[in-house]
Amino acid sequence: MNPQLIDIGANLAHDSFDEDRHEMMQRAGAAGVHKIIVTGSSDDSNVRAAELARQAPGTLYSTAGVHPHHAADYTDESDALIRSLVDKRAVVAVGECGLDYFRNFSPREAQLEAFKRQLDIAVETGMPVFLHQRDAHDDFVDVLEPALPDLSRAVAHCFTGEGESLREYVAMGLYIGITGWICDERRGKHLHDIVSCIPDDRLLIETDAPYLLPRTVRPRPKSRRNEPMYLPEVVQTLAEARDQSVRHVAEITTANAIRFFDLTSYE
């Protein structure tokens, strides 16, 4: 019997799932993934993610936020939409929000403003926050750290950085989300040496589907689309890197996700 897993970040509102979303959910369940947090990252995806969660109570939940790629489109209406959605059942976090200086699809000033406004929402509502950071560590910490005492909980989603930043995030009290990046023997090799510094009670797992298909999947799927059924690949690689059993990693990450998103209150 497969351990019960929770995927804390999957972009299931993405149009690549429009043709087979039901079958994708069946495959996830067969692989032991029994709950999924659907990531909201723009006005449109926030609405669609919340609707997916509404249609599958107890299995799907969602977040509501504006990704830094879309920060230039953050308006008062975006702010009001996030606030209205986090009041709804099964919307369990603010985000995905943060900073991304790798792509700079939105000007840095717009990213900083949108990030600060969404942290304000998380503080005012008491909701946990789902964070994104890429190549923006210093500014990210400068914005986040003053808000931390007033935030309920925060997770550094899809962590791919180096040991120094990981240790800093752990010291700040952040939860850490690990994806299939760790399964990449080229780009993710460094993660093997540092993930053991994440405390058991702060570790979370995610696919970030449809992105970041684990390179350990065999046989290699014809499609490059990732989906929640591949979450066990992350667990397997994490367990090896942390010198822990697969069952232990499954159990602690499931318990952590339930606690982080307060899922028992939505049952």
Protein backbone atom coordinates (compact mmCIF):
# COMPACT_ATOMS: atom_id res chain seq x y z
CA MET A 1 0.00 0.00 0.00
CA ASN A 2 1.38 3.40 -1.01
CA PRO A 3 1.93 5.96 1.78
CA GLN A 4 -0.57 8.83 1.75
CA LEU A 5 1.03 11.94 0.27
CA ILE A 6 0.04 15.61 -0.04
CA ASP A 7 1.22 17.65 -3.02
CA ILE A 8 1.45 21.20 -1.64
CA GLY A 9 1.88 22.90 -5.03
CA ALA A 10 0.41 21.85 -8.37
CA ASN A 11 -0.77 24.22 -11.09
CA LEU A 12 -3.82 22.14 -11.95
CA ALA A 13 -5.70 25.14 -13.37
CA HIS A 14 -3.12 25.11 -16.19
CA ASP A 15 -4.69 24.51 -19.59
CA SER A 16 -2.44 21.49 -20.22
CA PHE A 17 -4.77 19.55 -17.90
CA ASP A 18 -8.01 20.62 -19.58
CA GLU A 19 -8.33 17.45 -21.67
CA ASP A 20 -7.64 14.85 -18.99
CA ARG A 21 -7.97 16.48 -15.56
CA HIS A 22 -10.25 13.73 -14.24
CA GLU A 23 -7.91 10.95 -15.39
CA MET A 24 -4.93 12.86 -13.98
CA MET A 25 -6.66 12.97 -10.59
CA GLN A 26 -7.32 9.22 -10.76
CA ARG A 27 -3.65 8.55 -11.50
CA ALA A 28 -2.64 10.76 -8.56
CA GLY A 29 -4.90 8.83 -6.20
CA ALA A 30 -3.56 5.51 -7.43
CA ALA A 31 -0.03 6.76 -6.68
CA GLY A 32 -1.01 7.62 -3.09
CA VAL A 33 -1.45 11.38 -3.55
CA HIS A 34 -4.69 11.92 -1.66
CA LYS A 35 -4.69 15.71 -1.28
CA ILE A 36 -3.40 18.46 -3.58
CA ILE A 37 -3.07 22.20 -3.08
CA VAL A 38 -3.85 23.88 -6.41
CA THR A 39 -1.66 26.93 -6.90
CA GLY A 40 -3.21 30.27 -7.80
CA SER A 41 -0.82 32.69 -9.50
CA SER A 42 -2.93 35.27 -11.37
CA ASP A 43 -6.43 36.72 -11.28
CA ASP A 44 -7.67 34.11 -13.74
CA SER A 45 -5.90 31.10 -12.23
CA ASN A 46 -7.01 32.11 -8.72
CA VAL A 47 -10.64 31.85 -9.78
CA ARG A 48 -10.11 28.57 -11.63
CA ALA A 49 -8.08 27.03 -8.79
CA ALA A 50 -10.77 27.91 -6.26
CA GLU A 51 -13.43 26.40 -8.49
CA LEU A 52 -11.46 23.16 -8.84
CA ALA A 53 -11.14 23.00 -5.06
CA ARG A 54 -14.88 23.61 -4.68
CA GLN A 55 -15.62 20.70 -7.01
CA ALA A 56 -13.43 18.21 -5.10
CA PRO A 57 -13.87 18.92 -1.38
CA GLY A 58 -11.44 17.07 0.87
CA THR A 59 -9.14 16.27 -2.05
CA LEU A 60 -8.33 19.61 -3.68
CA TYR A 61 -7.60 22.89 -1.94
CA SER A 62 -6.26 26.10 -3.46
CA THR A 63 -4.19 29.20 -2.92
CA ALA A 64 -4.89 32.74 -4.13
CA GLY A 65 -2.14 35.11 -5.12
CA VAL A 66 -0.21 36.84 -7.89
CA HIS A 67 3.12 35.37 -9.00
CA PRO A 68 5.95 37.89 -9.48
CA HIS A 69 5.82 37.19 -13.23
CA HIS A 70 2.35 38.80 -13.19
CA ALA A 71 3.14 41.54 -10.65
CA ALA A 72 2.82 44.30 -13.27
CA ASP A 73 -0.85 43.29 -13.57
CA TYR A 74 -1.50 43.51 -9.81
CA THR A 75 -4.33 45.98 -9.29
CA ASP A 76 -6.72 46.98 -6.52
CA GLU A 77 -9.12 44.51 -8.14
CA SER A 78 -6.48 41.76 -7.84
CA ASP A 79 -6.07 42.61 -4.18
CA ALA A 80 -9.82 42.53 -3.61
CA LEU A 81 -10.12 39.20 -5.45
CA ILE A 82 -7.49 37.55 -3.26
CA ARG A 83 -9.20 38.89 -0.14
CA SER A 84 -12.58 37.56 -1.30
CA LEU A 85 -11.18 34.14 -2.18
CA VAL A 86 -9.32 33.54 1.08
CA ASP A 87 -12.68 33.91 2.81
CA LYS A 88 -13.99 30.92 0.84
CA ARG A 89 -13.91 27.34 2.00
CA ALA A 90 -10.98 25.29 0.67
CA VAL A 91 -8.81 28.33 -0.18
CA VAL A 92 -6.00 27.68 2.28
CA ALA A 93 -3.16 30.16 1.65
CA VAL A 94 -2.15 33.50 0.17
CA GLY A 95 0.21 33.20 -2.80
CA GLU A 96 2.02 32.22 -4.90
CA CYS A 97 3.78 35.50 -4.25
CA GLY A 98 7.33 36.76 -3.96
CA LEU A 99 10.17 37.92 -6.20
CA ASP A 100 11.72 36.55 -9.40
CA TYR A 101 14.74 38.44 -10.71
CA PHE A 102 15.80 35.53 -12.93
CA ARG A 103 13.16 36.33 -15.54
CA ASN A 104 12.11 39.85 -14.57
CA PHE A 105 8.87 39.43 -16.52
CA SER A 106 7.56 42.26 -14.33
CA PRO A 107 9.63 45.28 -13.24
CA ARG A 108 11.29 44.81 -9.87
CA GLU A 109 9.40 47.74 -8.38
CA ALA A 110 6.09 46.13 -9.35
CA GLN A 111 7.22 42.80 -7.89
CA LEU A 112 8.17 44.40 -4.58
CA GLU A 113 4.87 46.26 -4.32
CA ALA A 114 2.75 43.19 -5.15
CA PHE A 115 4.74 41.07 -2.70
CA LYS A 116 4.27 43.56 0.14
CA ARG A 117 0.54 43.88 -0.51
CA GLN A 118 0.04 40.12 -0.45
CA LEU A 119 2.01 39.78 2.78
CA ASP A 120 -0.35 42.39 4.20
CA ILE A 121 -3.30 40.19 3.22
CA ALA A 122 -1.71 37.16 4.88
CA VAL A 123 -1.08 39.15 8.06
CA GLU A 124 -4.58 40.61 8.15
CA THR A 125 -6.34 37.30 7.47
CA GLY A 126 -4.07 35.02 9.49
CA MET A 127 -3.58 32.81 6.42
CA PRO A 128 -0.31 31.02 5.68
CA VAL A 129 1.68 32.35 2.74
CA PHE A 130 3.04 30.41 -0.25
CA LEU A 131 6.30 32.05 -1.33
CA HIS A 132 8.34 32.21 -4.54
CA GLN A 133 11.93 33.41 -4.76
CA ARG A 134 14.43 33.13 -7.58
CA ASP A 135 17.64 35.12 -7.87
CA ALA A 136 16.22 37.72 -5.48
CA HIS A 137 17.33 36.42 -2.09
CA ASP A 138 18.44 39.67 -0.44
CA ASP A 139 15.35 41.71 -1.39
CA PHE A 140 13.12 38.73 -0.58
CA VAL A 141 14.51 38.51 2.96
CA ASP A 142 14.39 42.31 3.39
CA VAL A 143 10.66 42.34 2.58
CA LEU A 144 9.67 39.12 4.31
CA GLU A 145 11.58 39.32 7.57
CA PRO A 146 9.74 42.33 9.07
CA ALA A 147 6.40 40.61 8.36
CA LEU A 148 7.33 37.23 9.86
CA PRO A 149 6.34 38.00 13.47
CA ASP A 150 2.81 38.74 12.27
CA LEU A 151 2.51 35.88 9.75
CA SER A 152 0.95 32.60 10.86
CA ARG A 153 3.15 30.37 8.67
CA ALA A 154 5.20 30.66 5.48
CA VAL A 155 6.66 28.16 3.03
CA ALA A 156 9.53 28.73 0.59
CA HIS A 157 7.90 26.91 -2.31
CA CYS A 158 10.04 24.98 -4.81
CA PHE A 159 13.34 25.59 -3.06
CA THR A 160 16.27 25.19 -5.47
CA GLY A 161 18.89 27.44 -3.87
CA GLU A 162 22.18 26.91 -2.10
CA GLY A 163 22.97 25.82 1.44
CA GLU A 164 23.48 29.32 2.83
CA SER A 165 20.02 30.52 1.79
CA LEU A 166 18.41 27.26 2.93
CA ARG A 167 19.93 27.58 6.39
CA GLU A 168 18.80 31.20 6.55
CA TYR A 169 15.23 30.27 5.62
CA VAL A 170 15.20 27.52 8.24
CA ALA A 171 16.50 29.97 10.85
CA MET A 172 13.72 32.39 9.85
CA GLY A 173 11.16 29.67 10.64
CA LEU A 174 10.08 28.97 7.08
CA TYR A 175 8.77 25.64 5.90
CA ILE A 176 10.62 24.36 2.83
CA GLY A 177 8.93 22.87 -0.25
CA ILE A 178 11.00 20.42 -2.31
CA THR A 179 10.08 19.50 -5.88
CA GLY A 180 11.37 17.17 -8.58
CA TRP A 181 14.28 19.57 -9.05
CA ILE A 182 16.07 17.32 -6.54
CA CYS A 183 15.60 14.42 -8.97
CA ASP A 184 17.67 16.21 -11.63
CA GLU A 185 21.20 14.79 -11.51
CA ARG A 186 22.48 17.91 -13.29
CA ARG A 187 20.75 20.98 -11.85
CA GLY A 188 19.59 19.51 -8.55
CA LYS A 189 22.63 17.56 -7.40
CA HIS A 190 23.58 20.23 -4.84
CA LEU A 191 20.24 19.74 -3.04
CA HIS A 192 21.24 16.20 -2.06
CA ASP A 193 23.97 17.60 0.18
CA ILE A 194 21.85 20.20 1.98
CA VAL A 195 18.26 18.95 2.41
CA SER A 196 19.20 17.09 5.57
CA CYS A 197 19.41 20.46 7.35
CA ILE A 198 15.64 20.92 6.98
CA PRO A 199 14.02 19.90 10.29
CA ASP A 200 11.53 17.03 10.06
CA ASP A 201 8.70 19.34 11.11
CA ARG A 202 9.41 21.90 8.38
CA LEU A 203 9.69 19.69 5.28
CA LEU A 204 7.02 19.75 2.55
CA ILE A 205 6.83 18.11 -0.90
CA GLU A 206 5.33 19.24 -4.19
CA THR A 207 5.37 18.61 -7.91
CA ASP A 208 4.83 22.17 -9.26
CA ALA A 209 3.01 20.35 -12.07
CA PRO A 210 2.93 20.70 -15.05
CA TYR A 211 6.51 21.88 -14.61
CA LEU A 212 9.63 20.07 -13.29
CA LEU A 213 8.97 16.50 -14.38
CA PRO A 214 11.35 14.37 -12.25
CA ARG A 215 14.19 13.01 -14.37
CA THR A 216 14.08 9.80 -12.34
CA VAL A 217 10.73 8.71 -13.83
CA ARG A 218 11.12 5.39 -15.66
CA PRO A 219 10.12 4.65 -18.28
CA ARG A 220 10.45 8.23 -19.50
CA PRO A 221 6.97 9.53 -20.36
CA LYS A 222 6.38 10.70 -23.90
CA SER A 223 5.05 13.99 -22.60
CA ARG A 224 7.24 16.40 -20.62
CA ARG A 225 4.19 17.39 -18.56
CA ASN A 226 4.56 16.74 -14.87
CA GLU A 227 1.59 15.67 -12.77
CA PRO A 228 0.90 14.74 -9.13
CA MET A 229 1.24 11.00 -9.76
CA TYR A 230 5.01 11.56 -9.89
CA LEU A 231 5.23 12.95 -6.34
CA PRO A 232 6.58 9.59 -5.04
CA GLU A 233 9.72 10.25 -7.11
CA VAL A 234 10.38 13.33 -4.97
CA VAL A 235 9.80 11.34 -1.78
CA GLN A 236 12.17 8.56 -2.89
CA THR A 237 15.01 10.94 -3.77
CA LEU A 238 14.47 13.04 -0.64
CA ALA A 239 14.54 9.95 1.55
CA GLU A 240 17.84 8.85 0.03
CA ALA A 241 19.38 12.31 0.42
CA ARG A 242 18.23 12.62 4.06
CA ASP A 243 19.13 9.02 4.93
CA GLN A 244 15.55 8.39 6.02
CA SER A 245 12.97 5.82 5.00
CA VAL A 246 10.40 6.58 2.32
CA ARG A 247 7.65 5.94 4.84
CA HIS A 248 9.15 8.40 7.31
CA VAL A 249 9.41 11.17 4.69
CA ALA A 250 5.85 10.44 3.55
CA GLU A 251 4.49 10.55 7.08
CA ILE A 252 6.24 13.74 8.20
CA THR A 253 5.48 15.69 5.03
CA THR A 254 1.82 14.70 5.17
CA ALA A 255 1.56 15.71 8.82
CA ASN A 256 3.37 18.98 8.09
CA ALA A 257 1.05 19.83 5.19
CA ILE A 258 -2.04 19.17 7.30
CA ARG A 259 -0.66 21.44 10.01
CA PHE A 260 0.66 24.16 7.69
CA PHE A 261 -2.59 24.55 5.74
CA ASP A 262 -4.79 23.68 8.76
CA LEU A 263 -6.53 21.09 6.59
CA THR A 264 -8.42 19.46 9.46
CA SER A 265 -10.53 22.62 9.76
CA TYR A 266 -11.72 22.14 6.16
CA GLU A 267 -12.90 18.55 6.55
